[in-house]
C-alpha atoms as a PDB file:
ATOM      1  CA  MET A   1      11.225 -43.055  39.175  1.00  0.00           C
ATOM      2  CA  LYS A   2      14.768 -42.801  37.798  1.00  0.00           C
ATOM      3  CA  ALA A   3      14.643 -46.506  36.925  1.00  0.00           C
ATOM      4  CA  VAL A   4      11.389 -45.967  35.015  1.00  0.00           C
ATOM      5  CA  LEU A   5      12.922 -43.092  33.077  1.00  0.00           C
ATOM      6  CA  ALA A   6      16.036 -45.152  32.331  1.00  0.00           C
ATOM      7  CA  VAL A   7      13.889 -47.935  30.886  1.00  0.00           C
ATOM      8  CA  LEU A   8      11.931 -45.473  28.766  1.00  0.00           C
ATOM      9  CA  LEU A   9      15.061 -43.760  27.497  1.00  0.00           C
ATOM     10  CA  ALA A  10      16.759 -47.077  26.717  1.00  0.00           C
ATOM     11  CA  GLY A  11      13.742 -48.187  24.722  1.00  0.00           C
ATOM     12  CA  PHE A  12      13.469 -44.818  23.081  1.00  0.00           C
ATOM     13  CA  SER A  13      17.037 -45.049  21.785  1.00  0.00           C
ATOM     14  CA  ALA A  14      15.913 -48.065  19.753  1.00  0.00           C
ATOM     15  CA  CYS A  15      13.104 -46.021  18.246  1.00  0.00           C
ATOM     16  CA  ASN A  16      12.981 -45.847  14.479  1.00  0.00           C
ATOM     17  CA  VAL A  17      11.005 -42.699  13.776  1.00  0.00           C
ATOM     18  CA  ALA A  18      11.533 -43.150  10.038  1.00  0.00           C
ATOM     19  CA  GLN A  19       9.394 -46.276  10.392  1.00  0.00           C
ATOM     20  CA  GLU A  20       7.267 -44.574  13.036  1.00  0.00           C
ATOM     21  CA  SER A  21       7.703 -47.330  15.578  1.00  0.00           C
ATOM     22  CA  LEU A  22       9.245 -48.348  18.874  1.00  0.00           C
ATOM     23  CA  PRO A  23       9.709 -52.095  18.431  1.00  0.00           C
ATOM     24  CA  ASN A  24      10.962 -53.099  21.875  1.00  0.00           C
ATOM     25  CA  PRO A  25       8.429 -53.467  24.699  1.00  0.00           C
ATOM     26  CA  LEU A  26       9.158 -51.274  27.708  1.00  0.00           C
ATOM     27  CA  THR A  27       8.902 -54.117  30.213  1.00  0.00           C
ATOM     28  CA  GLY A  28       9.632 -57.822  30.350  1.00  0.00           C
ATOM     29  CA  GLN A  29       5.943 -58.519  30.836  1.00  0.00           C
ATOM     30  CA  ARG A  30       3.343 -58.560  28.074  1.00  0.00           C
ATOM     31  CA  GLY A  31       0.645 -55.974  28.300  1.00  0.00           C
ATOM     32  CA  ASP A  32      -2.755 -56.999  29.612  1.00  0.00           C
ATOM     33  CA  PRO A  33      -5.582 -55.938  27.253  1.00  0.00           C
ATOM     34  CA  ALA A  34      -8.166 -55.824  30.071  1.00  0.00           C
ATOM     35  CA  ARG A  35      -6.009 -53.482  32.147  1.00  0.00           C
ATOM     36  CA  GLY A  36      -5.305 -51.447  29.008  1.00  0.00           C
ATOM     37  CA  ARG A  37      -9.012 -51.063  28.293  1.00  0.00           C
ATOM     38  CA  ALA A  38      -9.589 -49.886  31.857  1.00  0.00           C
ATOM     39  CA  ILE A  39      -6.839 -47.262  31.480  1.00  0.00           C
ATOM     40  CA  VAL A  40      -8.232 -46.007  28.163  1.00  0.00           C
ATOM     41  CA  ALA A  41     -11.768 -45.732  29.566  1.00  0.00           C
ATOM     42  CA  ASP A  42     -10.718 -44.202  32.908  1.00  0.00           C
ATOM     43  CA  ARG A  43     -11.157 -40.441  32.912  1.00  0.00           C
ATOM     44  CA  GLN A  44      -8.705 -40.080  35.804  1.00  0.00           C
ATOM     45  CA  THR A  45      -5.846 -42.150  34.373  1.00  0.00           C
ATOM     46  CA  GLY A  46      -5.728 -42.258  30.592  1.00  0.00           C
ATOM     47  CA  LEU A  47      -8.143 -39.502  29.638  1.00  0.00           C
ATOM     48  CA  CYS A  48      -8.188 -41.071  26.152  1.00  0.00           C
ATOM     49  CA  LEU A  49     -11.942 -40.678  25.710  1.00  0.00           C
ATOM     50  CA  LEU A  50     -11.670 -36.954  26.218  1.00  0.00           C
ATOM     51  CA  CYS A  51     -10.489 -36.778  22.578  1.00  0.00           C
ATOM     52  CA  HIS A  52     -11.009 -40.280  21.149  1.00  0.00           C
ATOM     53  CA  SER A  53     -14.096 -42.435  20.719  1.00  0.00           C
ATOM     54  CA  GLY A  54     -14.245 -46.200  20.478  1.00  0.00           C
ATOM     55  CA  PRO A  55     -16.000 -49.389  21.499  1.00  0.00           C
ATOM     56  CA  PHE A  56     -17.034 -48.217  24.956  1.00  0.00           C
ATOM     57  CA  PRO A  57     -20.845 -48.430  25.100  1.00  0.00           C
ATOM     58  CA  GLU A  58     -20.790 -47.734  28.838  1.00  0.00           C
ATOM     59  CA  GLU A  59     -19.190 -44.327  28.193  1.00  0.00           C
ATOM     60  CA  PRO A  60     -21.845 -41.947  26.828  1.00  0.00           C
ATOM     61  CA  SER A  61     -19.493 -38.977  26.378  1.00  0.00           C
ATOM     62  CA  GLN A  62     -16.648 -39.709  24.005  1.00  0.00           C
ATOM     63  CA  GLY A  63     -14.405 -37.334  22.131  1.00  0.00           C
ATOM     64  CA  ASP A  64     -14.384 -36.415  18.467  1.00  0.00           C
ATOM     65  CA  LEU A  65     -11.113 -34.457  18.258  1.00  0.00           C
ATOM     66  CA  ALA A  66      -8.907 -37.469  17.522  1.00  0.00           C
ATOM     67  CA  PRO A  67      -9.230 -40.683  15.510  1.00  0.00           C
ATOM     68  CA  ASP A  68     -11.758 -43.284  16.591  1.00  0.00           C
ATOM     69  CA  LEU A  69      -9.923 -46.104  18.343  1.00  0.00           C
ATOM     70  CA  ARG A  70     -11.941 -48.770  16.524  1.00  0.00           C
ATOM     71  CA  GLY A  71      -9.568 -50.529  14.155  1.00  0.00           C
ATOM     72  CA  ALA A  72      -6.408 -49.190  15.841  1.00  0.00           C
ATOM     73  CA  GLY A  73      -4.935 -52.702  15.824  1.00  0.00           C
ATOM     74  CA  THR A  74      -5.512 -52.901  12.077  1.00  0.00           C
ATOM     75  CA  ARG A  75      -4.119 -49.445  11.268  1.00  0.00           C
ATOM     76  CA  TRP A  76      -0.973 -49.683  13.384  1.00  0.00           C
ATOM     77  CA  THR A  77       1.394 -52.373  14.684  1.00  0.00           C
ATOM     78  CA  GLU A  78       2.133 -52.686  18.388  1.00  0.00           C
ATOM     79  CA  ALA A  79       5.477 -50.943  17.758  1.00  0.00           C
ATOM     80  CA  GLN A  80       3.718 -48.026  16.071  1.00  0.00           C
ATOM     81  CA  LEU A  81       1.086 -47.806  18.803  1.00  0.00           C
ATOM     82  CA  ARG A  82       3.815 -47.797  21.457  1.00  0.00           C
ATOM     83  CA  LEU A  83       5.556 -44.779  19.909  1.00  0.00           C
ATOM     84  CA  ARG A  84       2.261 -42.940  19.410  1.00  0.00           C
ATOM     85  CA  ILE A  85       1.486 -43.341  23.119  1.00  0.00           C
ATOM     86  CA  ILE A  86       4.960 -42.623  24.487  1.00  0.00           C
ATOM     87  CA  ASP A  87       5.715 -39.548  22.407  1.00  0.00           C
ATOM     88  CA  PRO A  88       3.200 -38.606  19.706  1.00  0.00           C
ATOM     89  CA  MET A  89       5.080 -35.347  19.120  1.00  0.00           C
ATOM     90  CA  ARG A  90       7.901 -37.317  17.490  1.00  0.00           C
ATOM     91  CA  LEU A  91       5.431 -38.156  14.719  1.00  0.00           C
ATOM     92  CA  ASN A  92       3.415 -34.936  14.664  1.00  0.00           C
ATOM     93  CA  PRO A  93       4.962 -31.903  16.381  1.00  0.00           C
ATOM     94  CA  ALA A  94       1.601 -30.085  16.255  1.00  0.00           C
ATOM     95  CA  THR A  95      -0.388 -32.819  18.024  1.00  0.00           C
ATOM     96  CA  ILE A  96      -2.396 -32.016  21.125  1.00  0.00           C
ATOM     97  CA  MET A  97      -2.142 -35.616  22.375  1.00  0.00           C
ATOM     98  CA  PRO A  98      -0.093 -35.798  25.570  1.00  0.00           C
ATOM     99  CA  ALA A  99       3.166 -37.735  25.651  1.00  0.00           C
ATOM    100  CA  TYR A 100       2.285 -40.483  28.129  1.00  0.00           C
ATOM    101  CA  GLY A 101       5.860 -41.778  28.383  1.00  0.00           C
ATOM    102  CA  ARG A 102       7.909 -38.585  28.413  1.00  0.00           C
ATOM    103  CA  SER A 103       8.792 -36.381  31.335  1.00  0.00           C
ATOM    104  CA  GLU A 104      11.331 -33.996  29.789  1.00  0.00           C
ATOM    105  CA  GLY A 105      11.015 -31.282  27.172  1.00  0.00           C
ATOM    106  CA  LEU A 106       7.299 -30.743  27.734  1.00  0.00           C
ATOM    107  CA  TRP A 107       5.521 -27.436  28.193  1.00  0.00           C
ATOM    108  CA  ARG A 108       2.615 -26.354  30.362  1.00  0.00           C
ATOM    109  CA  VAL A 109       2.971 -29.313  32.720  1.00  0.00           C
ATOM    110  CA  ALA A 110       1.077 -29.169  36.002  1.00  0.00           C
ATOM    111  CA  PRO A 111       3.450 -29.034  38.974  1.00  0.00           C
ATOM    112  CA  ALA A 112       2.196 -32.394  40.263  1.00  0.00           C
ATOM    113  CA  PHE A 113       3.290 -34.077  37.014  1.00  0.00           C
ATOM    114  CA  ARG A 114       6.687 -32.410  36.481  1.00  0.00           C
ATOM    115  CA  GLY A 115       9.501 -34.937  36.237  1.00  0.00           C
ATOM    116  CA  ARG A 116       7.227 -37.963  35.928  1.00  0.00           C
ATOM    117  CA  THR A 117       5.451 -39.758  33.148  1.00  0.00           C
ATOM    118  CA  LEU A 118       1.671 -39.851  32.851  1.00  0.00           C
ATOM    119  CA  LEU A 119       1.654 -43.652  32.574  1.00  0.00           C
ATOM    120  CA  THR A 120       4.129 -46.245  33.839  1.00  0.00           C
ATOM    121  CA  PRO A 121       5.935 -48.468  31.321  1.00  0.00           C
ATOM    122  CA  GLN A 122       3.620 -51.373  32.238  1.00  0.00           C
ATOM    123  CA  GLN A 123       0.522 -49.220  31.825  1.00  0.00           C
ATOM    124  CA  ILE A 124       1.768 -48.200  28.376  1.00  0.00           C
ATOM    125  CA  GLU A 125       2.246 -51.863  27.443  1.00  0.00           C
ATOM    126  CA  ASP A 126      -1.269 -52.616  28.742  1.00  0.00           C
ATOM    127  CA  VAL A 127      -2.760 -49.862  26.561  1.00  0.00           C
ATOM    128  CA  VAL A 128      -0.766 -51.089  23.544  1.00  0.00           C
ATOM    129  CA  ALA A 129      -2.052 -54.638  24.140  1.00  0.00           C
ATOM    130  CA  PHE A 130      -5.640 -53.401  24.306  1.00  0.00           C
ATOM    131  CA  LEU A 131      -5.436 -51.174  21.231  1.00  0.00           C
ATOM    132  CA  ALA A 132      -3.872 -54.047  19.282  1.00  0.00           C
ATOM    133  CA  THR A 133      -7.073 -56.061  19.878  1.00  0.00           C
ATOM    134  CA  LEU A 134      -9.229 -53.401  18.172  1.00  0.00           C
ATOM    135  CA  ARG A 135      -9.330 -54.859  14.685  1.00  0.00           C
ATOM    136  CA  ASP A 136     -12.698 -53.805  13.228  1.00  0.00           C
END
């Protein structure tokens, strides 16, 4: 776990919040869009569809609290998507979106999740790769 946090923190130091992006991938392996889609649609892992909606016809209950994911790859670059997933509070301190790549400085964290990130660096890259494919 410490190695995962070190990778996240090293990547985070290269973050350019003024440009709202995190340009360096968190792993040496490209994200897999199919795995990313599965994470986004999974109500046990990503929980994305609790707030977001998108191109998931098999999911009848989708959220309407956050932006529709359709067109995410057109609205944001991979670097911007990465930062929004890792630590959306850096861009909007009032957001209710969880920080999937942070483990420190959070509040109201369930004991089982204290000290760990919600997604691994590779899972984050997979979600970024999937969202980047959503261009309509």
